[in-house]
Amino acid sequence: MIEETMQFLTQIQPPRNHKNIESLNKVALYIKEKFVLYGLETQYQTYETNGNTYKNVIGVLNPQYEKTLVIGGHYDVCGDIQGADDNASAIAGVIDTARQLSLSKEQLNFKIEFVAFTLEEPPHFGLETMGSFVHSKSLRDNDRDVIGMINYEMIGYFTDKPNSQDYPIEFMKSFYPSTGNFIANVSNENSKEFLTKFDFGNVDKKIESFDIVLPEPFSLITASDHLNYWQLGFNAIMITDTAHFRNPNYHKDTDTIETINFEYMQYSIDMVVNGIKNLNI
């Protein structure tokens, strides 16, 4: 299932960057059709910038509840590359999470809003034209009851090469592995209680995972969509293979589907799914 999504996203031409609106629209339609297939209430969240229309794709599970968990990832790519890990892996994660949880929706007592964001990559990163800013602002403006947000950001690259893992802060090397074969669950100080609610440490998984709480201002180096939720006052965590702190293909044309470890990627998604199933709200 995740392989099918990865193949579609990485092979689409021209690449799904901010300049290629037709490709972005094809991706948005693909995601929407998957959400519909899994029984989600689905819509586009459209907005205009630079004379073009861009689309977030939203699929809602259990719409009868008010309390809402947001699960997202961005579908655009940086430049003319496949963007397999960054960020086709995340969209495959969002779609497969929706598929799995749609089969267990009766045991969940909250709404889940799955969102595929557009325009995370430069030149839009850090601007209010990011799809995740548009979405998070709509939650705030409508006074939505948000439990928190889970952001998938690059979940497909793993390696057993010694000393393959770097960190943004030197002291972290004393606490976390030097080999890049684990998944990281990252929060800031304000979201650490939200992170612990998932109890990922007790979820059955086949690779190691680490809950990492970044102190301010170091949390700002985690450059992805969850930042817009933090900045607008929501709890948020990022599920990641740590991006450029591990993956040498980051924002390069070598970020191809051949570099993805599908087995470890699936384990990471399953960890999140099971953490959500055990979530007590």
C-alpha atoms as a PDB file:
ATOM      1  CA  MET A   1       0.000   0.000   0.000  1.00  0.00           C
ATOM      2  CA  ILE A   2       2.677   2.529   0.970  1.00  0.00           C
ATOM      3  CA  GLU A   3       4.762   1.458  -2.011  1.00  0.00           C
ATOM      4  CA  GLU A   4       1.900   2.341  -4.385  1.00  0.00           C
ATOM      5  CA  THR A   5       1.679   5.876  -3.006  1.00  0.00           C
ATOM      6  CA  MET A   6       5.429   6.301  -3.096  1.00  0.00           C
ATOM      7  CA  GLN A   7       5.588   5.178  -6.713  1.00  0.00           C
ATOM      8  CA  PHE A   8       2.870   7.603  -7.771  1.00  0.00           C
ATOM      9  CA  LEU A   9       4.380  10.614  -6.009  1.00  0.00           C
ATOM     10  CA  THR A  10       7.990  10.052  -7.018  1.00  0.00           C
ATOM     11  CA  GLN A  11       7.304   9.317 -10.682  1.00  0.00           C
ATOM     12  CA  ILE A  12       4.910  12.174 -11.432  1.00  0.00           C
ATOM     13  CA  GLN A  13       6.278  14.631 -14.006  1.00  0.00           C
ATOM     14  CA  PRO A  14       7.000  17.452 -13.873  1.00  0.00           C
ATOM     15  CA  PRO A  15       7.941  17.188 -10.187  1.00  0.00           C
ATOM     16  CA  ARG A  16       5.406  18.331  -7.615  1.00  0.00           C
ATOM     17  CA  ASN A  17       7.031  21.650  -6.699  1.00  0.00           C
ATOM     18  CA  HIS A  18       5.332  25.024  -6.249  1.00  0.00           C
ATOM     19  CA  LYS A  19       5.797  25.965  -9.905  1.00  0.00           C
ATOM     20  CA  ASN A  20       4.064  22.904 -11.338  1.00  0.00           C
ATOM     21  CA  ILE A  21       0.426  23.485 -10.416  1.00  0.00           C
ATOM     22  CA  GLU A  22      -0.902  20.711 -12.637  1.00  0.00           C
ATOM     23  CA  SER A  23       1.297  18.129 -10.904  1.00  0.00           C
ATOM     24  CA  LEU A  24       0.280  19.400  -7.474  1.00  0.00           C
ATOM     25  CA  ASN A  25      -3.363  19.122  -8.514  1.00  0.00           C
ATOM     26  CA  LYS A  26      -2.842  15.536  -9.685  1.00  0.00           C
ATOM     27  CA  VAL A  27      -1.328  14.669  -6.326  1.00  0.00           C
ATOM     28  CA  ALA A  28      -4.157  16.406  -4.462  1.00  0.00           C
ATOM     29  CA  LEU A  29      -6.731  14.429  -6.450  1.00  0.00           C
ATOM     30  CA  TYR A  30      -4.890  11.163  -5.749  1.00  0.00           C
ATOM     31  CA  ILE A  31      -4.901  11.860  -2.012  1.00  0.00           C
ATOM     32  CA  LYS A  32      -8.550  12.921  -2.048  1.00  0.00           C
ATOM     33  CA  GLU A  33      -9.551   9.707  -3.808  1.00  0.00           C
ATOM     34  CA  LYS A  34      -7.707   7.656  -1.190  1.00  0.00           C
ATOM     35  CA  PHE A  35      -9.462   9.496   1.633  1.00  0.00           C
ATOM     36  CA  VAL A  36     -12.830   8.913  -0.040  1.00  0.00           C
ATOM     37  CA  LEU A  37     -11.985   5.215  -0.484  1.00  0.00           C
ATOM     38  CA  TYR A  38     -11.475   4.916   3.280  1.00  0.00           C
ATOM     39  CA  GLY A  39     -14.807   6.541   4.049  1.00  0.00           C
ATOM     40  CA  LEU A  40     -13.549   9.951   5.152  1.00  0.00           C
ATOM     41  CA  GLU A  41     -15.521  13.163   4.694  1.00  0.00           C
ATOM     42  CA  THR A  42     -13.200  14.811   2.205  1.00  0.00           C
ATOM     43  CA  GLN A  43     -12.680  18.306   0.843  1.00  0.00           C
ATOM     44  CA  TYR A  44     -10.082  20.660  -0.551  1.00  0.00           C
ATOM     45  CA  GLN A  45      -8.997  23.686   1.436  1.00  0.00           C
ATOM     46  CA  THR A  46      -8.058  26.110  -1.335  1.00  0.00           C
ATOM     47  CA  TYR A  47      -6.271  29.437  -1.199  1.00  0.00           C
ATOM     48  CA  GLU A  48      -4.653  31.869  -3.585  1.00  0.00           C
ATOM     49  CA  THR A  49      -1.067  33.090  -3.733  1.00  0.00           C
ATOM     50  CA  ASN A  50       1.003  34.580  -6.560  1.00  0.00           C
ATOM     51  CA  GLY A  51      -1.985  34.284  -8.868  1.00  0.00           C
ATOM     52  CA  ASN A  52      -2.272  30.513  -8.400  1.00  0.00           C
ATOM     53  CA  THR A  53      -4.690  28.319  -6.490  1.00  0.00           C
ATOM     54  CA  TYR A  54      -3.206  25.779  -4.089  1.00  0.00           C
ATOM     55  CA  LYS A  55      -4.939  22.985  -2.197  1.00  0.00           C
ATOM     56  CA  ASN A  56      -4.695  21.287   1.137  1.00  0.00           C
ATOM     57  CA  VAL A  57      -6.564  17.974   1.145  1.00  0.00           C
ATOM     58  CA  ILE A  58      -8.629  17.240   4.263  1.00  0.00           C
ATOM     59  CA  GLY A  59     -10.240  13.942   5.201  1.00  0.00           C
ATOM     60  CA  VAL A  60     -12.271  13.618   8.400  1.00  0.00           C
ATOM     61  CA  LEU A  61     -12.804  10.417  10.376  1.00  0.00           C
ATOM     62  CA  ASN A  62     -15.499  10.339  13.088  1.00  0.00           C
ATOM     63  CA  PRO A  63     -16.969  13.765  12.253  1.00  0.00           C
ATOM     64  CA  GLN A  64     -19.583  13.379  15.010  1.00  0.00           C
ATOM     65  CA  TYR A  65     -17.050  14.355  17.686  1.00  0.00           C
ATOM     66  CA  GLU A  66     -15.809  17.845  18.554  1.00  0.00           C
ATOM     67  CA  LYS A  67     -12.386  17.010  19.991  1.00  0.00           C
ATOM     68  CA  THR A  68     -10.028  16.729  17.028  1.00  0.00           C
ATOM     69  CA  LEU A  69      -6.660  15.105  16.447  1.00  0.00           C
ATOM     70  CA  VAL A  70      -4.868  16.428  13.339  1.00  0.00           C
ATOM     71  CA  ILE A  71      -2.530  14.154  11.378  1.00  0.00           C
ATOM     72  CA  GLY A  72      -0.643  15.732   8.493  1.00  0.00           C
ATOM     73  CA  GLY A  73       2.294  15.898   6.148  1.00  0.00           C
ATOM     74  CA  HIS A  74       3.217  17.943   3.090  1.00  0.00           C
ATOM     75  CA  TYR A  75       3.031  16.677  -0.471  1.00  0.00           C
ATOM     76  CA  ASP A  76       5.087  19.271  -2.331  1.00  0.00           C
ATOM     77  CA  VAL A  77       8.765  18.800  -3.135  1.00  0.00           C
ATOM     78  CA  CYS A  78      11.826  21.052  -3.175  1.00  0.00           C
ATOM     79  CA  GLY A  79      13.005  21.606  -6.735  1.00  0.00           C
ATOM     80  CA  ASP A  80      13.033  19.149  -9.623  1.00  0.00           C
ATOM     81  CA  ILE A  81      13.544  15.945  -7.656  1.00  0.00           C
ATOM     82  CA  GLN A  82      11.590  12.816  -6.728  1.00  0.00           C
ATOM     83  CA  GLY A  83      11.458  13.771  -3.055  1.00  0.00           C
ATOM     84  CA  ALA A  84      10.983  10.182  -1.924  1.00  0.00           C
ATOM     85  CA  ASP A  85      11.829  10.669   1.735  1.00  0.00           C
ATOM     86  CA  ASP A  86      11.003  14.392   1.618  1.00  0.00           C
ATOM     87  CA  ASN A  87       8.131  14.065   1.631  1.00  0.00           C
ATOM     88  CA  ALA A  88       6.431  11.284  -0.308  1.00  0.00           C
ATOM     89  CA  SER A  89       7.121   9.066   2.697  1.00  0.00           C
ATOM     90  CA  ALA A  90       4.991  11.317   4.898  1.00  0.00           C
ATOM     91  CA  ILE A  91       2.026  11.315   2.525  1.00  0.00           C
ATOM     92  CA  ALA A  92       2.228   7.536   2.308  1.00  0.00           C
ATOM     93  CA  GLY A  93       2.217   7.603   6.106  1.00  0.00           C
ATOM     94  CA  VAL A  94      -0.827   9.872   6.321  1.00  0.00           C
ATOM     95  CA  ILE A  95      -2.769   7.771   3.812  1.00  0.00           C
ATOM     96  CA  ASP A  96      -1.903   4.451   5.449  1.00  0.00           C
ATOM     97  CA  THR A  97      -2.707   5.848   8.897  1.00  0.00           C
ATOM     98  CA  ALA A  98      -6.124   6.870   7.546  1.00  0.00           C
ATOM     99  CA  ARG A  99      -6.611   3.401   6.064  1.00  0.00           C
ATOM    100  CA  GLN A 100      -5.765   1.594   9.287  1.00  0.00           C
ATOM    101  CA  LEU A 101      -7.721   3.870  11.620  1.00  0.00           C
ATOM    102  CA  SER A 102     -10.794   3.807   9.380  1.00  0.00           C
ATOM    103  CA  LEU A 103     -11.010   0.109  10.263  1.00  0.00           C
ATOM    104  CA  SER A 104     -10.969   0.921  13.994  1.00  0.00           C
ATOM    105  CA  LYS A 105     -12.980   4.124  14.132  1.00  0.00           C
ATOM    106  CA  GLU A 106     -15.547   2.719  16.569  1.00  0.00           C
ATOM    107  CA  GLN A 107     -12.933   2.427  19.310  1.00  0.00           C
ATOM    108  CA  LEU A 108     -11.952   6.093  18.969  1.00  0.00           C
ATOM    109  CA  ASN A 109     -13.892   8.737  20.889  1.00  0.00           C
ATOM    110  CA  PHE A 110     -12.561  11.712  18.967  1.00  0.00           C
ATOM    111  CA  LYS A 111     -12.433  13.151  15.466  1.00  0.00           C
ATOM    112  CA  ILE A 112      -9.336  12.782  13.305  1.00  0.00           C
ATOM    113  CA  GLU A 113      -8.606  15.345  10.614  1.00  0.00           C
ATOM    114  CA  PHE A 114      -6.095  14.021   8.094  1.00  0.00           C
ATOM    115  CA  VAL A 115      -4.476  16.861   6.154  1.00  0.00           C
ATOM    116  CA  ALA A 116      -2.098  16.752   3.197  1.00  0.00           C
ATOM    117  CA  PHE A 117      -0.422  20.153   3.073  1.00  0.00           C
ATOM    118  CA  THR A 118       0.814  22.048   0.070  1.00  0.00           C
ATOM    119  CA  LEU A 119       3.674  24.591  -0.054  1.00  0.00           C
ATOM    120  CA  GLU A 120       5.877  23.502   2.832  1.00  0.00           C
ATOM    121  CA  GLU A 121       9.070  23.779   0.814  1.00  0.00           C
ATOM    122  CA  PRO A 122      11.011  26.940  -0.165  1.00  0.00           C
ATOM    123  CA  PRO A 123      10.246  29.604  -1.204  1.00  0.00           C
ATOM    124  CA  HIS A 124       7.129  29.331   0.973  1.00  0.00           C
ATOM    125  CA  PHE A 125       8.638  27.868   4.125  1.00  0.00           C
ATOM    126  CA  GLY A 126       8.251  30.277   7.036  1.00  0.00           C
ATOM    127  CA  LEU A 127       5.543  32.285   5.274  1.00  0.00           C
ATOM    128  CA  GLU A 128       1.800  32.459   5.768  1.00  0.00           C
ATOM    129  CA  THR A 129       1.402  30.844   2.349  1.00  0.00           C
ATOM    130  CA  MET A 130       2.366  27.454   3.794  1.00  0.00           C
ATOM    131  CA  GLY A 131      -0.562  25.072   3.610  1.00  0.00           C
ATOM    132  CA  SER A 132      -0.068  24.151   7.252  1.00  0.00           C
ATOM    133  CA  PHE A 133      -0.315  27.801   8.283  1.00  0.00           C
ATOM    134  CA  VAL A 134      -3.569  28.142   6.354  1.00  0.00           C
ATOM    135  CA  HIS A 135      -4.945  25.037   8.058  1.00  0.00           C
ATOM    136  CA  SER A 136      -3.772  25.804  11.590  1.00  0.00           C
ATOM    137  CA  LYS A 137      -5.074  29.368  11.324  1.00  0.00           C
ATOM    138  CA  SER A 138      -8.476  28.051  10.244  1.00  0.00           C
ATOM    139  CA  LEU A 139      -8.556  25.861  13.362  1.00  0.00           C
ATOM    140  CA  ARG A 140      -7.746  28.831  15.583  1.00  0.00           C
ATOM    141  CA  ASP A 141     -10.121  31.219  13.818  1.00  0.00           C
ATOM    142  CA  ASN A 142     -12.981  28.731  14.184  1.00  0.00           C
ATOM    143  CA  ASP A 143     -12.125  28.038  17.828  1.00  0.00           C
ATOM    144  CA  ARG A 144     -11.810  24.319  17.149  1.00  0.00           C
ATOM    145  CA  ASP A 145     -11.305  21.904  20.049  1.00  0.00           C
ATOM    146  CA  VAL A 146      -7.915  20.500  19.021  1.00  0.00           C
ATOM    147  CA  ILE A 147      -6.292  17.698  21.001  1.00  0.00           C
ATOM    148  CA  GLY A 148      -3.058  18.207  19.102  1.00  0.00           C
ATOM    149  CA  MET A 149      -1.311  17.594  15.814  1.00  0.00           C
ATOM    150  CA  ILE A 150       0.934  14.780  14.545  1.00  0.00           C
ATOM    151  CA  ASN A 151       3.218  15.766  11.691  1.00  0.00           C
ATOM    152  CA  TYR A 152       4.867  13.126   9.521  1.00  0.00           C
ATOM    153  CA  GLU A 153       8.108  14.580   8.143  1.00  0.00           C
ATOM    154  CA  MET A 154      10.482  12.216   6.317  1.00  0.00           C
ATOM    155  CA  ILE A 155       9.928   8.717   7.710  1.00  0.00           C
ATOM    156  CA  GLY A 156      11.591   6.500   5.103  1.00  0.00           C
ATOM    157  CA  TYR A 157      15.383   6.702   5.398  1.00  0.00           C
ATOM    158  CA  PHE A 158      17.197   4.346   7.766  1.00  0.00           C
ATOM    159  CA  THR A 159      20.789   3.150   7.791  1.00  0.00           C
ATOM    160  CA  ASP A 160      22.976   0.818   9.844  1.00  0.00           C
ATOM    161  CA  LYS A 161      26.110   2.725   8.871  1.00  0.00           C
ATOM    162  CA  PRO A 162      28.180   3.640  11.968  1.00  0.00           C
ATOM    163  CA  ASN A 163      28.199   7.336  12.919  1.00  0.00           C
ATOM    164  CA  SER A 164      25.442   8.066  10.407  1.00  0.00           C
ATOM    165  CA  GLN A 165      23.329  10.034  12.878  1.00  0.00           C
ATOM    166  CA  ASP A 166      23.938  13.685  13.720  1.00  0.00           C
ATOM    167  CA  TYR A 167      22.042  15.996  16.067  1.00  0.00           C
ATOM    168  CA  PRO A 168      21.224  19.705  16.225  1.00  0.00           C
ATOM    169  CA  ILE A 169      22.631  20.015  19.744  1.00  0.00           C
ATOM    170  CA  GLU A 170      25.988  18.536  20.735  1.00  0.00           C
ATOM    171  CA  PHE A 171      24.892  17.134  24.107  1.00  0.00           C
ATOM    172  CA  MET A 172      22.225  14.996  22.421  1.00  0.00           C
ATOM    173  CA  LYS A 173      24.987  12.713  21.143  1.00  0.00           C
ATOM    174  CA  SER A 174      25.449  11.491  24.716  1.00  0.00           C
ATOM    175  CA  PHE A 175      21.831  10.367  25.007  1.00  0.00           C
ATOM    176  CA  TYR A 176      20.808   9.095  21.575  1.00  0.00           C
ATOM    177  CA  PRO A 177      22.262   6.584  19.075  1.00  0.00           C
ATOM    178  CA  SER A 178      25.030   7.394  16.621  1.00  0.00           C
ATOM    179  CA  THR A 179      23.485   5.069  14.019  1.00  0.00           C
ATOM    180  CA  GLY A 180      20.503   6.297  12.007  1.00  0.00           C
ATOM    181  CA  ASN A 181      18.207   3.296  12.286  1.00  0.00           C
ATOM    182  CA  PHE A 182      15.509   4.615  14.651  1.00  0.00           C
ATOM    183  CA  ILE A 183      12.449   6.858  14.451  1.00  0.00           C
ATOM    184  CA  ALA A 184      12.230  10.104  16.445  1.00  0.00           C
ATOM    185  CA  ASN A 185       9.092  11.523  18.032  1.00  0.00           C
ATOM    186  CA  VAL A 186       9.859  15.196  18.558  1.00  0.00           C
ATOM    187  CA  SER A 187       8.071  17.811  20.628  1.00  0.00           C
ATOM    188  CA  ASN A 188       8.806  21.162  22.170  1.00  0.00           C
ATOM    189  CA  GLU A 189       8.462  21.881  25.880  1.00  0.00           C
ATOM    190  CA  ASN A 190       4.815  22.909  25.574  1.00  0.00           C
ATOM    191  CA  SER A 191       3.839  19.700  23.772  1.00  0.00           C
ATOM    192  CA  LYS A 192       5.723  17.134  25.851  1.00  0.00           C
ATOM    193  CA  GLU A 193       2.621  16.108  27.820  1.00  0.00           C
ATOM    194  CA  PHE A 194       0.784  15.583  24.526  1.00  0.00           C
ATOM    195  CA  LEU A 195       3.675  13.409  23.311  1.00  0.00           C
ATOM    196  CA  THR A 196       3.649  11.204  26.414  1.00  0.00           C
ATOM    197  CA  LYS A 197      -0.079  10.492  25.975  1.00  0.00           C
ATOM    198  CA  PHE A 198       0.735   8.220  23.033  1.00  0.00           C
ATOM    199  CA  ASP A 199       3.041   6.072  25.162  1.00  0.00           C
ATOM    200  CA  PHE A 200       5.051   5.085  22.085  1.00  0.00           C
ATOM    201  CA  GLY A 201       7.590   3.341  24.326  1.00  0.00           C
ATOM    202  CA  ASN A 202       5.064   0.608  25.125  1.00  0.00           C
ATOM    203  CA  VAL A 203       3.825   0.153  21.574  1.00  0.00           C
ATOM    204  CA  ASP A 204       4.898  -3.042  19.834  1.00  0.00           C
ATOM    205  CA  LYS A 205       7.408  -2.000  17.194  1.00  0.00           C
ATOM    206  CA  LYS A 206      10.295  -3.534  15.314  1.00  0.00           C
ATOM    207  CA  ILE A 207      12.711  -0.599  15.457  1.00  0.00           C
ATOM    208  CA  GLU A 208      13.705   1.708  18.266  1.00  0.00           C
ATOM    209  CA  SER A 209      11.909   4.971  18.765  1.00  0.00           C
ATOM    210  CA  PHE A 210      12.891   7.894  20.951  1.00  0.00           C
ATOM    211  CA  ASP A 211      10.747  10.652  22.384  1.00  0.00           C
ATOM    212  CA  ILE A 212      12.801  13.825  22.059  1.00  0.00           C
ATOM    213  CA  VAL A 213      11.721  17.045  23.758  1.00  0.00           C
ATOM    214  CA  LEU A 214      13.651  19.958  22.310  1.00  0.00           C
ATOM    215  CA  PRO A 215      14.227  22.951  24.593  1.00  0.00           C
ATOM    216  CA  GLU A 216      13.500  26.427  23.305  1.00  0.00           C
ATOM    217  CA  PRO A 217      14.837  27.955  21.117  1.00  0.00           C
ATOM    218  CA  PHE A 218      16.243  24.753  19.605  1.00  0.00           C
ATOM    219  CA  SER A 219      12.746  23.571  18.718  1.00  0.00           C
ATOM    220  CA  LEU A 220      12.750  26.153  15.916  1.00  0.00           C
ATOM    221  CA  ILE A 221      15.347  24.139  13.994  1.00  0.00           C
ATOM    222  CA  THR A 222      12.754  21.428  13.375  1.00  0.00           C
ATOM    223  CA  ALA A 223      11.754  22.988  10.096  1.00  0.00           C
ATOM    224  CA  SER A 224       8.419  21.507   9.131  1.00  0.00           C
ATOM    225  CA  ASP A 225       4.666  21.978   9.260  1.00  0.00           C
ATOM    226  CA  HIS A 226       4.233  21.399  12.996  1.00  0.00           C
ATOM    227  CA  LEU A 227       5.899  24.770  13.609  1.00  0.00           C
ATOM    228  CA  ASN A 228       2.756  26.555  12.452  1.00  0.00           C
ATOM    229  CA  TYR A 229       0.714  24.696  15.063  1.00  0.00           C
ATOM    230  CA  TRP A 230       3.203  25.496  17.824  1.00  0.00           C
ATOM    231  CA  GLN A 231       3.192  29.150  16.836  1.00  0.00           C
ATOM    232  CA  LEU A 232      -0.606  29.332  16.917  1.00  0.00           C
ATOM    233  CA  GLY A 233      -0.816  27.723  20.338  1.00  0.00           C
ATOM    234  CA  PHE A 234      -1.561  24.077  19.541  1.00  0.00           C
ATOM    235  CA  ASN A 235       0.179  20.959  20.808  1.00  0.00           C
ATOM    236  CA  ALA A 236       2.108  19.227  18.042  1.00  0.00           C
ATOM    237  CA  ILE A 237       4.713  16.525  17.559  1.00  0.00           C
ATOM    238  CA  MET A 238       6.813  15.469  14.591  1.00  0.00           C
ATOM    239  CA  ILE A 239       7.429  11.846  13.596  1.00  0.00           C
ATOM    240  CA  THR A 240      10.679  11.805  11.635  1.00  0.00           C
ATOM    241  CA  ASP A 241      13.787   9.951  10.550  1.00  0.00           C
ATOM    242  CA  THR A 242      15.528  13.250  11.488  1.00  0.00           C
ATOM    243  CA  ALA A 243      15.875  14.498   7.897  1.00  0.00           C
ATOM    244  CA  HIS A 244      19.216  16.166   7.098  1.00  0.00           C
ATOM    245  CA  PHE A 245      20.660  15.050  10.422  1.00  0.00           C
ATOM    246  CA  ARG A 246      20.754  11.573   8.863  1.00  0.00           C
ATOM    247  CA  ASN A 247      19.743  11.533   5.227  1.00  0.00           C
ATOM    248  CA  PRO A 248      22.541  12.698   2.874  1.00  0.00           C
ATOM    249  CA  ASN A 249      20.007  12.963   0.041  1.00  0.00           C
ATOM    250  CA  TYR A 250      18.048  15.796   1.648  1.00  0.00           C
ATOM    251  CA  HIS A 251      16.860  18.257  -1.063  1.00  0.00           C
ATOM    252  CA  LYS A 252      19.014  16.480  -3.660  1.00  0.00           C
ATOM    253  CA  ASP A 253      18.129  14.542  -6.788  1.00  0.00           C
ATOM    254  CA  THR A 254      19.439  11.435  -5.015  1.00  0.00           C
ATOM    255  CA  ASP A 255      16.353  11.433  -2.764  1.00  0.00           C
ATOM    256  CA  THR A 256      14.848   8.565  -4.753  1.00  0.00           C
ATOM    257  CA  ILE A 257      12.519   5.705  -3.992  1.00  0.00           C
ATOM    258  CA  GLU A 258      15.445   3.268  -4.099  1.00  0.00           C
ATOM    259  CA  THR A 259      16.774   4.778  -0.857  1.00  0.00           C
ATOM    260  CA  ILE A 260      13.581   4.043   1.121  1.00  0.00           C
ATOM    261  CA  ASN A 261      13.403   1.275   3.706  1.00  0.00           C
ATOM    262  CA  PHE A 262       9.758   0.270   3.344  1.00  0.00           C
ATOM    263  CA  GLU A 263       9.869  -2.236   6.187  1.00  0.00           C
ATOM    264  CA  TYR A 264      11.082   0.278   8.774  1.00  0.00           C
ATOM    265  CA  MET A 265       8.794   2.925   7.347  1.00  0.00           C
ATOM    266  CA  GLN A 266       5.776   0.643   7.826  1.00  0.00           C
ATOM    267  CA  TYR A 267       6.844  -0.126  11.389  1.00  0.00           C
ATOM    268  CA  SER A 268       6.992   3.605  12.099  1.00  0.00           C
ATOM    269  CA  ILE A 269       3.476   4.147  10.756  1.00  0.00           C
ATOM    270  CA  ASP A 270       2.161   1.169  12.724  1.00  0.00           C
ATOM    271  CA  MET A 271       3.717   2.604  15.887  1.00  0.00           C
ATOM    272  CA  VAL A 272       1.772   5.831  15.414  1.00  0.00           C
ATOM    273  CA  VAL A 273      -1.462   3.992  14.600  1.00  0.00           C
ATOM    274  CA  ASN A 274      -1.229   1.877  17.730  1.00  0.00           C
ATOM    275  CA  GLY A 275      -0.330   4.893  19.829  1.00  0.00           C
ATOM    276  CA  ILE A 276      -3.469   6.638  18.588  1.00  0.00           C
ATOM    277  CA  LYS A 277      -5.627   3.579  19.273  1.00  0.00           C
ATOM    278  CA  ASN A 278      -4.409   3.606  22.882  1.00  0.00           C
ATOM    279  CA  LEU A 279      -4.927   7.334  23.297  1.00  0.00           C
ATOM    280  CA  ASN A 280      -7.212   8.233  26.201  1.00  0.00           C
ATOM    281  CA  ILE A 281      -9.019  11.551  25.710  1.00  0.00           C
END
